[in-house]
Amino acid sequence: MAIIKLYLDADITAGPFLASTLSERGFDAVSVGNDGLDDRAQLDYALAQNRVLLTFNIKDFIPLAQELYAQEKEFPGLVVSPQIKGDKFSYLLRLVLNLLNKVDESSMHNTVRYLQEFE
């Protein structure tokens, strides 16, 4: 079972801390932080690095995933979630750990999943 490599986009404000926390637990996770990359550039990076992209930006990334489907392009996967803010870091961490422990790279391939599936 190949473990998912995760890319946390700029909309995950706790992304750098979450990526660090996941890395400390043995998972391969990176975060863009807040470096101003647009959505397409973030998706291109995730594709180039063969990483599943996790985002709170549902409205922009679902259409980008639909473009990939329409163009018959392969992609590692997309995980979307409504905004999780404030003191909900432990909730976000729990959902992401559930995702990483339950889903492998092959079952994420070319799919869009909602993070809340992993409650």
PDB file of N, CA and C in Angstrom:
ATOM      1  N   MET A   1       0.847  -1.179   0.000  1.00  0.00           N
ATOM      2  CA  MET A   1       0.000   0.000   0.000  1.00  0.00           C
ATOM      3  C   MET A   1       0.893   1.244   0.000  1.00  0.00           C
ATOM      4  N   ALA A   2       0.812   2.022  -1.073  1.00  0.00           N
ATOM      5  CA  ALA A   2       1.613   3.247  -1.179  1.00  0.00           C
ATOM      6  C   ALA A   2       0.907   4.381  -0.436  1.00  0.00           C
ATOM      7  N   ILE A   3       1.639   4.995   0.470  1.00  0.00           N
ATOM      8  CA  ILE A   3       1.080   6.069   1.284  1.00  0.00           C
ATOM      9  C   ILE A   3       0.981   7.351   0.465  1.00  0.00           C
ATOM     10  N   ILE A   4      -0.078   8.085   0.688  1.00  0.00           N
ATOM     11  CA  ILE A   4      -0.319   9.352  -0.002  1.00  0.00           C
ATOM     12  C   ILE A   4       0.749  10.373   0.378  1.00  0.00           C
ATOM     13  N   LYS A   5       1.248  11.074  -0.642  1.00  0.00           N
ATOM     14  CA  LYS A   5       2.064  12.259  -0.414  1.00  0.00           C
ATOM     15  C   LYS A   5       1.104  13.444  -0.513  1.00  0.00           C
ATOM     16  N   LEU A   6       1.124  14.307   0.481  1.00  0.00           N
ATOM     17  CA  LEU A   6       0.115  15.354   0.598  1.00  0.00           C
ATOM     18  C   LEU A   6       0.712  16.742   0.369  1.00  0.00           C
ATOM     19  N   TYR A   7      -0.040  17.568  -0.336  1.00  0.00           N
ATOM     20  CA  TYR A   7       0.316  18.968  -0.563  1.00  0.00           C
ATOM     21  C   TYR A   7      -0.820  19.832  -0.017  1.00  0.00           C
ATOM     22  N   LEU A   8      -0.511  20.705   0.929  1.00  0.00           N
ATOM     23  CA  LEU A   8      -1.504  21.583   1.546  1.00  0.00           C
ATOM     24  C   LEU A   8      -1.417  22.939   0.872  1.00  0.00           C
ATOM     25  N   ASP A   9      -2.499  23.383   0.263  1.00  0.00           N
ATOM     26  CA  ASP A   9      -2.444  24.627  -0.501  1.00  0.00           C
ATOM     27  C   ASP A   9      -2.533  25.856   0.407  1.00  0.00           C
ATOM     28  N   ALA A  10      -2.462  27.026  -0.202  1.00  0.00           N
ATOM     29  CA  ALA A  10      -2.396  28.293   0.537  1.00  0.00           C
ATOM     30  C   ALA A  10      -3.648  28.586   1.352  1.00  0.00           C
ATOM     31  N   ASP A  11      -4.782  27.992   1.008  1.00  0.00           N
ATOM     32  CA  ASP A  11      -6.015  28.243   1.763  1.00  0.00           C
ATOM     33  C   ASP A  11      -6.031  27.529   3.114  1.00  0.00           C
ATOM     34  N   ILE A  12      -5.135  26.600   3.317  1.00  0.00           N
ATOM     35  CA  ILE A  12      -5.013  25.939   4.611  1.00  0.00           C
ATOM     36  C   ILE A  12      -4.078  26.825   5.447  1.00  0.00           C
ATOM     37  N   THR A  13      -4.653  27.743   6.189  1.00  0.00           N
ATOM     38  CA  THR A  13      -3.833  28.727   6.910  1.00  0.00           C
ATOM     39  C   THR A  13      -2.914  28.067   7.929  1.00  0.00           C
ATOM     40  N   ALA A  14      -3.321  26.945   8.473  1.00  0.00           N
ATOM     41  CA  ALA A  14      -2.467  26.211   9.415  1.00  0.00           C
ATOM     42  C   ALA A  14      -1.577  25.221   8.675  1.00  0.00           C
ATOM     43  N   GLY A  15      -1.493  25.365   7.351  1.00  0.00           N
ATOM     44  CA  GLY A  15      -0.774  24.408   6.520  1.00  0.00           C
ATOM     45  C   GLY A  15       0.650  24.118   6.937  1.00  0.00           C
ATOM     46  N   PRO A  16       1.484  25.140   7.168  1.00  0.00           N
ATOM     47  CA  PRO A  16       2.862  24.840   7.569  1.00  0.00           C
ATOM     48  C   PRO A  16       2.936  24.049   8.882  1.00  0.00           C
ATOM     49  N   PHE A  17       2.119  24.411   9.856  1.00  0.00           N
ATOM     50  CA  PHE A  17       2.108  23.694  11.127  1.00  0.00           C
ATOM     51  C   PHE A  17       1.554  22.286  10.954  1.00  0.00           C
ATOM     52  N   LEU A  18       0.500  22.154  10.153  1.00  0.00           N
ATOM     53  CA  LEU A  18      -0.076  20.837   9.892  1.00  0.00           C
ATOM     54  C   LEU A  18       0.929  19.948   9.163  1.00  0.00           C
ATOM     55  N   ALA A  19       1.602  20.479   8.155  1.00  0.00           N
ATOM     56  CA  ALA A  19       2.594  19.698   7.414  1.00  0.00           C
ATOM     57  C   ALA A  19       3.717  19.237   8.345  1.00  0.00           C
ATOM     58  N   SER A  20       4.159  20.128   9.204  1.00  0.00           N
ATOM     59  CA  SER A  20       5.206  19.782  10.167  1.00  0.00           C
ATOM     60  C   SER A  20       4.738  18.695  11.134  1.00  0.00           C
ATOM     61  N   THR A  21       3.516  18.832  11.637  1.00  0.00           N
ATOM     62  CA  THR A  21       2.948  17.849  12.562  1.00  0.00           C
ATOM     63  C   THR A  21       2.827  16.484  11.889  1.00  0.00           C
ATOM     64  N   LEU A  22       2.364  16.464  10.640  1.00  0.00           N
ATOM     65  CA  LEU A  22       2.240  15.206   9.908  1.00  0.00           C
ATOM     66  C   LEU A  22       3.605  14.588   9.635  1.00  0.00           C
ATOM     67  N   SER A  23       4.568  15.423   9.274  1.00  0.00           N
ATOM     68  CA  SER A  23       5.926  14.928   9.014  1.00  0.00           C
ATOM     69  C   SER A  23       6.527  14.298  10.264  1.00  0.00           C
ATOM     70  N   GLU A  24       6.282  14.919  11.417  1.00  0.00           N
ATOM     71  CA  GLU A  24       6.777  14.362  12.679  1.00  0.00           C
ATOM     72  C   GLU A  24       6.182  12.990  12.959  1.00  0.00           C
ATOM     73  N   ARG A  25       5.017  12.733  12.393  1.00  0.00           N
ATOM     74  CA  ARG A  25       4.353  11.441  12.582  1.00  0.00           C
ATOM     75  C   ARG A  25       4.675  10.456  11.457  1.00  0.00           C
ATOM     76  N   GLY A  26       5.612  10.819  10.590  1.00  0.00           N
ATOM     77  CA  GLY A  26       6.073   9.896   9.560  1.00  0.00           C
ATOM     78  C   GLY A  26       5.392  10.014   8.213  1.00  0.00           C
ATOM     79  N   PHE A  27       4.545  11.009   8.021  1.00  0.00           N
ATOM     80  CA  PHE A  27       3.864  11.189   6.739  1.00  0.00           C
ATOM     81  C   PHE A  27       4.611  12.199   5.878  1.00  0.00           C
ATOM     82  N   ASP A  28       4.446  12.074   4.573  1.00  0.00           N
ATOM     83  CA  ASP A  28       5.068  12.983   3.618  1.00  0.00           C
ATOM     84  C   ASP A  28       4.068  14.086   3.292  1.00  0.00           C
ATOM     85  N   ALA A  29       4.237  15.252   3.929  1.00  0.00           N
ATOM     86  CA  ALA A  29       3.318  16.376   3.745  1.00  0.00           C
ATOM     87  C   ALA A  29       4.116  17.662   3.627  1.00  0.00           C
ATOM     88  N   VAL A  30       3.736  18.477   2.653  1.00  0.00           N
ATOM     89  CA  VAL A  30       4.353  19.786   2.476  1.00  0.00           C
ATOM     90  C   VAL A  30       3.248  20.824   2.349  1.00  0.00           C
ATOM     91  N   SER A  31       3.620  22.074   2.658  1.00  0.00           N
ATOM     92  CA  SER A  31       2.666  23.174   2.579  1.00  0.00           C
ATOM     93  C   SER A  31       3.272  24.302   1.770  1.00  0.00           C
ATOM     94  N   VAL A  32       2.429  24.952   0.975  1.00  0.00           N
ATOM     95  CA  VAL A  32       2.875  26.114   0.224  1.00  0.00           C
ATOM     96  C   VAL A  32       3.027  27.318   1.141  1.00  0.00           C
ATOM     97  N   GLY A  33       2.371  27.268   2.308  1.00  0.00           N
ATOM     98  CA  GLY A  33       2.353  28.459   3.161  1.00  0.00           C
ATOM     99  C   GLY A  33       1.535  29.543   2.466  1.00  0.00           C
ATOM    100  N   ASN A  34       1.887  30.774   2.670  1.00  0.00           N
ATOM    101  CA  ASN A  34       1.157  31.873   2.042  1.00  0.00           C
ATOM    102  C   ASN A  34       2.091  32.614   1.093  1.00  0.00           C
ATOM    103  N   ASP A  35       2.508  31.929   0.025  1.00  0.00           N
ATOM    104  CA  ASP A  35       3.482  32.538  -0.875  1.00  0.00           C
ATOM    105  C   ASP A  35       2.881  33.166  -2.119  1.00  0.00           C
ATOM    106  N   GLY A  36       1.572  33.233  -2.208  1.00  0.00           N
ATOM    107  CA  GLY A  36       0.930  33.944  -3.298  1.00  0.00           C
ATOM    108  C   GLY A  36       0.771  33.178  -4.596  1.00  0.00           C
ATOM    109  N   LEU A  37       1.043  31.890  -4.608  1.00  0.00           N
ATOM    110  CA  LEU A  37       0.820  31.120  -5.828  1.00  0.00           C
ATOM    111  C   LEU A  37      -0.665  31.082  -6.155  1.00  0.00           C
ATOM    112  N   ASP A  38      -1.007  31.222  -7.423  1.00  0.00           N
ATOM    113  CA  ASP A  38      -2.420  31.105  -7.780  1.00  0.00           C
ATOM    114  C   ASP A  38      -2.821  29.632  -7.805  1.00  0.00           C
ATOM    115  N   ASP A  39      -4.112  29.398  -7.929  1.00  0.00           N
ATOM    116  CA  ASP A  39      -4.638  28.031  -7.836  1.00  0.00           C
ATOM    117  C   ASP A  39      -4.036  27.108  -8.894  1.00  0.00           C
ATOM    118  N   ARG A  40      -3.941  27.592 -10.117  1.00  0.00           N
ATOM    119  CA  ARG A  40      -3.393  26.764 -11.204  1.00  0.00           C
ATOM    120  C   ARG A  40      -1.937  26.377 -10.898  1.00  0.00           C
ATOM    121  N   ALA A  41      -1.146  27.331 -10.407  1.00  0.00           N
ATOM    122  CA  ALA A  41       0.254  27.048 -10.084  1.00  0.00           C
ATOM    123  C   ALA A  41       0.352  26.026  -8.954  1.00  0.00           C
ATOM    124  N   GLN A  42      -0.544  26.125  -7.974  1.00  0.00           N
ATOM    125  CA  GLN A  42      -0.538  25.144  -6.884  1.00  0.00           C
ATOM    126  C   GLN A  42      -0.900  23.763  -7.393  1.00  0.00           C
ATOM    127  N   LEU A  43      -1.896  23.695  -8.264  1.00  0.00           N
ATOM    128  CA  LEU A  43      -2.280  22.407  -8.835  1.00  0.00           C
ATOM    129  C   LEU A  43      -1.144  21.835  -9.677  1.00  0.00           C
ATOM    130  N   ASP A  44      -0.520  22.677 -10.479  1.00  0.00           N
ATOM    131  CA  ASP A  44       0.602  22.216 -11.304  1.00  0.00           C
ATOM    132  C   ASP A  44       1.732  21.666 -10.432  1.00  0.00           C
ATOM    133  N   TYR A  45       2.010  22.339  -9.315  1.00  0.00           N
ATOM    134  CA  TYR A  45       3.048  21.860  -8.406  1.00  0.00           C
ATOM    135  C   TYR A  45       2.672  20.487  -7.850  1.00  0.00           C
ATOM    136  N   ALA A  46       1.431  20.350  -7.390  1.00  0.00           N
ATOM    137  CA  ALA A  46       0.982  19.067  -6.838  1.00  0.00           C
ATOM    138  C   ALA A  46       1.100  17.962  -7.888  1.00  0.00           C
ATOM    139  N   LEU A  47       0.715  18.266  -9.118  1.00  0.00           N
ATOM    140  CA  LEU A  47       0.805  17.275 -10.196  1.00  0.00           C
ATOM    141  C   LEU A  47       2.260  16.894 -10.458  1.00  0.00           C
ATOM    142  N   ALA A  48       3.133  17.895 -10.535  1.00  0.00           N
ATOM    143  CA  ALA A  48       4.547  17.637 -10.825  1.00  0.00           C
ATOM    144  C   ALA A  48       5.210  16.813  -9.727  1.00  0.00           C
ATOM    145  N   GLN A  49       4.762  16.993  -8.494  1.00  0.00           N
ATOM    146  CA  GLN A  49       5.339  16.274  -7.354  1.00  0.00           C
ATOM    147  C   GLN A  49       4.577  14.987  -7.018  1.00  0.00           C
ATOM    148  N   ASN A  50       3.547  14.673  -7.821  1.00  0.00           N
ATOM    149  CA  ASN A  50       2.701  13.501  -7.591  1.00  0.00           C
ATOM    150  C   ASN A  50       2.133  13.494  -6.175  1.00  0.00           C
ATOM    151  N   ARG A  51       1.561  14.650  -5.784  1.00  0.00           N
ATOM    152  CA  ARG A  51       1.002  14.817  -4.450  1.00  0.00           C
ATOM    153  C   ARG A  51      -0.504  15.049  -4.528  1.00  0.00           C
ATOM    154  N   VAL A  52      -1.215  14.470  -3.582  1.00  0.00           N
ATOM    155  CA  VAL A  52      -2.639  14.747  -3.419  1.00  0.00           C
ATOM    156  C   VAL A  52      -2.758  16.154  -2.835  1.00  0.00           C
ATOM    157  N   LEU A  53      -3.580  16.974  -3.444  1.00  0.00           N
ATOM    158  CA  LEU A  53      -3.747  18.354  -2.993  1.00  0.00           C
ATOM    159  C   LEU A  53      -4.922  18.433  -2.024  1.00  0.00           C
ATOM    160  N   LEU A  54      -4.684  19.046  -0.866  1.00  0.00           N
ATOM    161  CA  LEU A  54      -5.728  19.288   0.133  1.00  0.00           C
ATOM    162  C   LEU A  54      -5.995  20.782   0.174  1.00  0.00           C
ATOM    163  N   THR A  55      -7.267  21.169   0.048  1.00  0.00           N
ATOM    164  CA  THR A  55      -7.625  22.581   0.000  1.00  0.00           C
ATOM    165  C   THR A  55      -8.954  22.853   0.684  1.00  0.00           C
ATOM    166  N   PHE A  56      -9.102  24.077   1.174  1.00  0.00           N
ATOM    167  CA  PHE A  56     -10.398  24.583   1.637  1.00  0.00           C
ATOM    168  C   PHE A  56     -11.106  25.333   0.504  1.00  0.00           C
ATOM    169  N   ASN A  57     -10.442  25.491  -0.629  1.00  0.00           N
ATOM    170  CA  ASN A  57     -10.957  26.279  -1.743  1.00  0.00           C
ATOM    171  C   ASN A  57     -11.742  25.388  -2.715  1.00  0.00           C
ATOM    172  N   ILE A  58     -12.901  24.973  -2.277  1.00  0.00           N
ATOM    173  CA  ILE A  58     -13.730  24.066  -3.071  1.00  0.00           C
ATOM    174  C   ILE A  58     -14.155  24.709  -4.380  1.00  0.00           C
ATOM    175  N   LYS A  59     -14.585  25.968  -4.316  1.00  0.00           N
ATOM    176  CA  LYS A  59     -15.188  26.611  -5.497  1.00  0.00           C
ATOM    177  C   LYS A  59     -14.214  26.761  -6.658  1.00  0.00           C
ATOM    178  N   ASP A  60     -12.921  26.864  -6.387  1.00  0.00           N
ATOM    179  CA  ASP A  60     -11.956  27.005  -7.478  1.00  0.00           C
ATOM    180  C   ASP A  60     -11.308  25.685  -7.889  1.00  0.00           C
ATOM    181  N   PHE A  61     -11.131  24.769  -6.953  1.00  0.00           N
ATOM    182  CA  PHE A  61     -10.414  23.539  -7.297  1.00  0.00           C
ATOM    183  C   PHE A  61     -11.308  22.456  -7.903  1.00  0.00           C
ATOM    184  N   ILE A  62     -12.583  22.432  -7.579  1.00  0.00           N
ATOM    185  CA  ILE A  62     -13.471  21.454  -8.245  1.00  0.00           C
ATOM    186  C   ILE A  62     -13.490  21.703  -9.755  1.00  0.00           C
ATOM    187  N   PRO A  63     -13.655  22.961 -10.226  1.00  0.00           N
ATOM    188  CA  PRO A  63     -13.587  23.181 -11.677  1.00  0.00           C
ATOM    189  C   PRO A  63     -12.233  22.805 -12.289  1.00  0.00           C
ATOM    190  N   LEU A  64     -11.151  23.028 -11.548  1.00  0.00           N
ATOM    191  CA  LEU A  64      -9.838  22.623 -12.064  1.00  0.00           C
ATOM    192  C   LEU A  64      -9.753  21.107 -12.198  1.00  0.00           C
ATOM    193  N   ALA A  65     -10.306  20.385 -11.249  1.00  0.00           N
ATOM    194  CA  ALA A  65     -10.330  18.917 -11.347  1.00  0.00           C
ATOM    195  C   ALA A  65     -11.201  18.482 -12.522  1.00  0.00           C
ATOM    196  N   GLN A  66     -12.314  19.175 -12.730  1.00  0.00           N
ATOM    197  CA  GLN A  66     -13.181  18.853 -13.871  1.00  0.00           C
ATOM    198  C   GLN A  66     -12.453  19.072 -15.196  1.00  0.00           C
ATOM    199  N   GLU A  67     -11.609  20.103 -15.249  1.00  0.00           N
ATOM    200  CA  GLU A  67     -10.790  20.327 -16.457  1.00  0.00           C
ATOM    201  C   GLU A  67      -9.854  19.147 -16.687  1.00  0.00           C
ATOM    202  N   LEU A  68      -9.233  18.663 -15.619  1.00  0.00           N
ATOM    203  CA  LEU A  68      -8.339  17.513 -15.764  1.00  0.00           C
ATOM    204  C   LEU A  68      -9.087  16.305 -16.301  1.00  0.00           C
ATOM    205  N   TYR A  69     -10.288  16.052 -15.761  1.00  0.00           N
ATOM    206  CA  TYR A  69     -11.113  14.947 -16.261  1.00  0.00           C
ATOM    207  C   TYR A  69     -11.421  15.134 -17.741  1.00  0.00           C
ATOM    208  N   ALA A  70     -11.855  16.344 -18.102  1.00  0.00           N
ATOM    209  CA  ALA A  70     -12.243  16.628 -19.488  1.00  0.00           C
ATOM    210  C   ALA A  70     -11.066  16.434 -20.441  1.00  0.00           C
ATOM    211  N   GLN A  71      -9.867  16.757 -19.982  1.00  0.00           N
ATOM    212  CA  GLN A  71      -8.659  16.615 -20.804  1.00  0.00           C
ATOM    213  C   GLN A  71      -8.042  15.224 -20.682  1.00  0.00           C
ATOM    214  N   GLU A  72      -8.698  14.368 -19.897  1.00  0.00           N
ATOM    215  CA  GLU A  72      -8.228  13.005 -19.658  1.00  0.00           C
ATOM    216  C   GLU A  72      -6.798  12.980 -19.118  1.00  0.00           C
ATOM    217  N   LYS A  73      -6.494  13.938 -18.244  1.00  0.00           N
ATOM    218  CA  LYS A  73      -5.184  13.992 -17.600  1.00  0.00           C
ATOM    219  C   LYS A  73      -5.226  13.243 -16.281  1.00  0.00           C
ATOM    220  N   GLU A  74      -4.173  12.502 -16.018  1.00  0.00           N
ATOM    221  CA  GLU A  74      -4.040  11.784 -14.761  1.00  0.00           C
ATOM    222  C   GLU A  74      -3.675  12.771 -13.657  1.00  0.00           C
ATOM    223  N   PHE A  75      -4.182  12.533 -12.456  1.00  0.00           N
ATOM    224  CA  PHE A  75      -3.761  13.345 -11.315  1.00  0.00           C
ATOM    225  C   PHE A  75      -3.827  12.510 -10.044  1.00  0.00           C
ATOM    226  N   PRO A  76      -2.985  12.871  -9.050  1.00  0.00           N
ATOM    227  CA  PRO A  76      -2.877  12.055  -7.837  1.00  0.00           C
ATOM    228  C   PRO A  76      -4.116  12.090  -6.957  1.00  0.00           C
ATOM    229  N   GLY A  77      -4.927  13.121  -7.081  1.00  0.00           N
ATOM    230  CA  GLY A  77      -6.144  13.226  -6.292  1.00  0.00           C
ATOM    231  C   GLY A  77      -6.294  14.607  -5.686  1.00  0.00           C
ATOM    232  N   LEU A  78      -7.510  14.890  -5.280  1.00  0.00           N
ATOM    233  CA  LEU A  78      -7.848  16.172  -4.674  1.00  0.00           C
ATOM    234  C   LEU A  78      -8.741  15.900  -3.470  1.00  0.00           C
ATOM    235  N   VAL A  79      -8.420  16.539  -2.361  1.00  0.00           N
ATOM    236  CA  VAL A  79      -9.251  16.444  -1.159  1.00  0.00           C
ATOM    237  C   VAL A  79      -9.682  17.863  -0.821  1.00  0.00           C
ATOM    238  N   VAL A  80     -10.998  18.054  -0.730  1.00  0.00           N
ATOM    239  CA  VAL A  80     -11.543  19.380  -0.449  1.00  0.00           C
ATOM    240  C   VAL A  80     -12.303  19.365   0.870  1.00  0.00           C
ATOM    241  N   SER A  81     -12.384  20.555   1.468  1.00  0.00           N
ATOM    242  CA  SER A  81     -13.086  20.699   2.740  1.00  0.00           C
ATOM    243  C   SER A  81     -13.575  22.125   2.871  1.00  0.00           C
ATOM    244  N   PRO A  82     -14.734  22.307   3.512  1.00  0.00           N
ATOM    245  CA  PRO A  82     -15.085  23.665   3.900  1.00  0.00           C
ATOM    246  C   PRO A  82     -14.028  24.186   4.872  1.00  0.00           C
ATOM    247  N   GLN A  83     -13.938  25.489   4.989  1.00  0.00           N
ATOM    248  CA  GLN A  83     -12.973  26.147   5.885  1.00  0.00           C
ATOM    249  C   GLN A  83     -13.059  25.599   7.306  1.00  0.00           C
ATOM    250  N   ILE A  84     -11.925  25.248   7.874  1.00  0.00           N
ATOM    251  CA  ILE A  84     -11.828  24.833   9.277  1.00  0.00           C
ATOM    252  C   ILE A  84     -10.891  25.838   9.926  1.00  0.00           C
ATOM    253  N   LYS A  85     -11.420  26.682  10.799  1.00  0.00           N
ATOM    254  CA  LYS A  85     -10.640  27.792  11.341  1.00  0.00           C
ATOM    255  C   LYS A  85     -10.483  27.708  12.850  1.00  0.00           C
ATOM    256  N   GLY A  86      -9.688  28.642  13.330  1.00  0.00           N
ATOM    257  CA  GLY A  86      -9.588  28.876  14.767  1.00  0.00           C
ATOM    258  C   GLY A  86      -9.001  27.714  15.532  1.00  0.00           C
ATOM    259  N   ASP A  87      -9.649  27.396  16.642  1.00  0.00           N
ATOM    260  CA  ASP A  87      -9.130  26.364  17.545  1.00  0.00           C
ATOM    261  C   ASP A  87      -9.512  24.958  17.096  1.00  0.00           C
ATOM    262  N   LYS A  88      -9.839  24.800  15.847  1.00  0.00           N
ATOM    263  CA  LYS A  88     -10.251  23.502  15.316  1.00  0.00           C
ATOM    264  C   LYS A  88      -9.089  22.707  14.730  1.00  0.00           C
ATOM    265  N   PHE A  89      -7.850  23.090  15.071  1.00  0.00           N
ATOM    266  CA  PHE A  89      -6.692  22.392  14.511  1.00  0.00           C
ATOM    267  C   PHE A  89      -6.728  20.903  14.838  1.00  0.00           C
ATOM    268  N   SER A  90      -7.096  20.564  16.052  1.00  0.00           N
ATOM    269  CA  SER A  90      -7.116  19.144  16.432  1.00  0.00           C
ATOM    270  C   SER A  90      -8.127  18.374  15.584  1.00  0.00           C
ATOM    271  N   TYR A  91      -9.239  19.009  15.239  1.00  0.00           N
ATOM    272  CA  TYR A  91     -10.244  18.386  14.369  1.00  0.00           C
ATOM    273  C   TYR A  91      -9.663  18.176  12.964  1.00  0.00           C
ATOM    274  N   LEU A  92      -9.026  19.215  12.427  1.00  0.00           N
ATOM    275  CA  LEU A  92      -8.398  19.114  11.110  1.00  0.00           C
ATOM    276  C   LEU A  92      -7.337  18.013  11.110  1.00  0.00           C
ATOM    277  N   LEU A  93      -6.495  17.994  12.110  1.00  0.00           N
ATOM    278  CA  LEU A  93      -5.459  16.972  12.204  1.00  0.00           C
ATOM    279  C   LEU A  93      -6.066  15.575  12.254  1.00  0.00           C
ATOM    280  N   ARG A  94      -7.107  15.401  13.039  1.00  0.00           N
ATOM    281  CA  ARG A  94      -7.749  14.082  13.149  1.00  0.00           C
ATOM    282  C   ARG A  94      -8.285  13.623  11.794  1.00  0.00           C
ATOM    283  N   LEU A  95      -8.952  14.528  11.055  1.00  0.00           N
ATOM    284  CA  LEU A  95      -9.497  14.160   9.751  1.00  0.00           C
ATOM    285  C   LEU A  95      -8.387  13.782   8.774  1.00  0.00           C
ATOM    286  N   VAL A  96      -7.325  14.580   8.758  1.00  0.00           N
ATOM    287  CA  VAL A  96      -6.230  14.305   7.827  1.00  0.00           C
ATOM    288  C   VAL A  96      -5.529  12.997   8.193  1.00  0.00           C
ATOM    289  N   LEU A  97      -5.320  12.745   9.473  1.00  0.00           N
ATOM    290  CA  LEU A  97      -4.723  11.467   9.885  1.00  0.00           C
ATOM    291  C   LEU A  97      -5.618  10.292   9.497  1.00  0.00           C
ATOM    292  N   ASN A  98      -6.923  10.449   9.664  1.00  0.00           N
ATOM    293  CA  ASN A  98      -7.849   9.387   9.244  1.00  0.00           C
ATOM    294  C   ASN A  98      -7.726   9.139   7.747  1.00  0.00           C
ATOM    295  N   LEU A  99      -7.677  10.207   6.961  1.00  0.00           N
ATOM    296  CA  LEU A  99      -7.493  10.082   5.511  1.00  0.00           C
ATOM    297  C   LEU A  99      -6.210   9.321   5.206  1.00  0.00           C
ATOM    298  N   LEU A 100      -5.108   9.766   5.780  1.00  0.00           N
ATOM    299  CA  LEU A 100      -3.806   9.164   5.483  1.00  0.00           C
ATOM    300  C   LEU A 100      -3.707   7.712   5.940  1.00  0.00           C
ATOM    301  N   ASN A 101      -4.426   7.361   6.974  1.00  0.00           N
ATOM    302  CA  ASN A 101      -4.387   5.990   7.482  1.00  0.00           C
ATOM    303  C   ASN A 101      -5.375   5.055   6.794  1.00  0.00           C
ATOM    304  N   LYS A 102      -6.351   5.606   6.077  1.00  0.00           N
ATOM    305  CA  LYS A 102      -7.390   4.763   5.480  1.00  0.00           C
ATOM    306  C   LYS A 102      -7.331   4.666   3.963  1.00  0.00           C
ATOM    307  N   VAL A 103      -6.684   5.638   3.311  1.00  0.00           N
ATOM    308  CA  VAL A 103      -6.714   5.688   1.852  1.00  0.00           C
ATOM    309  C   VAL A 103      -5.289   5.649   1.327  1.00  0.00           C
ATOM    310  N   ASP A 104      -5.057   4.823   0.330  1.00  0.00           N
ATOM    311  CA  ASP A 104      -3.713   4.769  -0.241  1.00  0.00           C
ATOM    312  C   ASP A 104      -3.663   5.520  -1.566  1.00  0.00           C
ATOM    313  N   GLU A 105      -2.447   5.602  -2.079  1.00  0.00           N
ATOM    314  CA  GLU A 105      -2.199   6.366  -3.296  1.00  0.00           C
ATOM    315  C   GLU A 105      -3.054   5.891  -4.469  1.00  0.00           C
ATOM    316  N   SER A 106      -3.172   4.588  -4.653  1.00  0.00           N
ATOM    317  CA  SER A 106      -3.916   4.072  -5.809  1.00  0.00           C
ATOM    318  C   SER A 106      -5.411   4.367  -5.717  1.00  0.00           C
ATOM    319  N   SER A 107      -5.981   4.359  -4.514  1.00  0.00           N
ATOM    320  CA  SER A 107      -7.415   4.629  -4.400  1.00  0.00           C
ATOM    321  C   SER A 107      -7.726   6.127  -4.477  1.00  0.00           C
ATOM    322  N   MET A 108      -6.729   6.984  -4.325  1.00  0.00           N
ATOM    323  CA  MET A 108      -6.927   8.426  -4.482  1.00  0.00           C
ATOM    324  C   MET A 108      -6.753   8.865  -5.930  1.00  0.00           C
ATOM    325  N   HIS A 109      -6.062   8.073  -6.716  1.00  0.00           N
ATOM    326  CA  HIS A 109      -5.722   8.428  -8.092  1.00  0.00           C
ATOM    327  C   HIS A 109      -6.964   8.839  -8.885  1.00  0.00           C
ATOM    328  N   ASN A 110      -6.915  10.040  -9.476  1.00  0.00           N
ATOM    329  CA  ASN A 110      -7.996  10.582 -10.326  1.00  0.00           C
ATOM    330  C   ASN A 110      -9.320  10.751  -9.596  1.00  0.00           C
ATOM    331  N   THR A 111      -9.289  10.985  -8.295  1.00  0.00           N
ATOM    332  CA  THR A 111     -10.535  11.162  -7.554  1.00  0.00           C
ATOM    333  C   THR A 111     -10.552  12.492  -6.817  1.00  0.00           C
ATOM    334  N   VAL A 112     -11.759  12.921  -6.496  1.00  0.00           N
ATOM    335  CA  VAL A 112     -11.981  14.071  -5.629  1.00  0.00           C
ATOM    336  C   VAL A 112     -12.752  13.546  -4.429  1.00  0.00           C
ATOM    337  N   ARG A 113     -12.226  13.795  -3.236  1.00  0.00           N
ATOM    338  CA  ARG A 113     -12.864  13.333  -2.004  1.00  0.00           C
ATOM    339  C   ARG A 113     -13.083  14.521  -1.074  1.00  0.00           C
ATOM    340  N   TYR A 114     -14.062  14.396  -0.214  1.00  0.00           N
ATOM    341  CA  TYR A 114     -14.297  15.403   0.819  1.00  0.00           C
ATOM    342  C   TYR A 114     -13.643  14.940   2.111  1.00  0.00           C
ATOM    343  N   LEU A 115     -12.915  15.839   2.746  1.00  0.00           N
ATOM    344  CA  LEU A 115     -12.203  15.493   3.976  1.00  0.00           C
ATOM    345  C   LEU A 115     -13.154  15.002   5.051  1.00  0.00           C
ATOM    346  N   GLN A 116     -14.365  15.520   5.088  1.00  0.00           N
ATOM    347  CA  GLN A 116     -15.323  15.131   6.120  1.00  0.00           C
ATOM    348  C   GLN A 116     -15.777  13.673   5.994  1.00  0.00           C
ATOM    349  N   GLU A 117     -15.450  13.012   4.878  1.00  0.00           N
ATOM    350  CA  GLU A 117     -15.710  11.579   4.768  1.00  0.00           C
ATOM    351  C   GLU A 117     -14.931  10.796   5.822  1.00  0.00           C
ATOM    352  N   PHE A 118     -13.893  11.413   6.364  1.00  0.00           N
ATOM    353  CA  PHE A 118     -12.956  10.708   7.245  1.00  0.00           C
ATOM    354  C   PHE A 118     -13.148  11.067   8.708  1.00  0.00           C
ATOM    355  N   GLU A 119     -14.369  11.463   9.067  1.00  0.00           N
ATOM    356  CA  GLU A 119     -14.677  11.771  10.479  1.00  0.00           C
ATOM    357  C   GLU A 119     -14.696  10.504  11.299  1.00  0.00           C
TER     358      GLU A 119
END
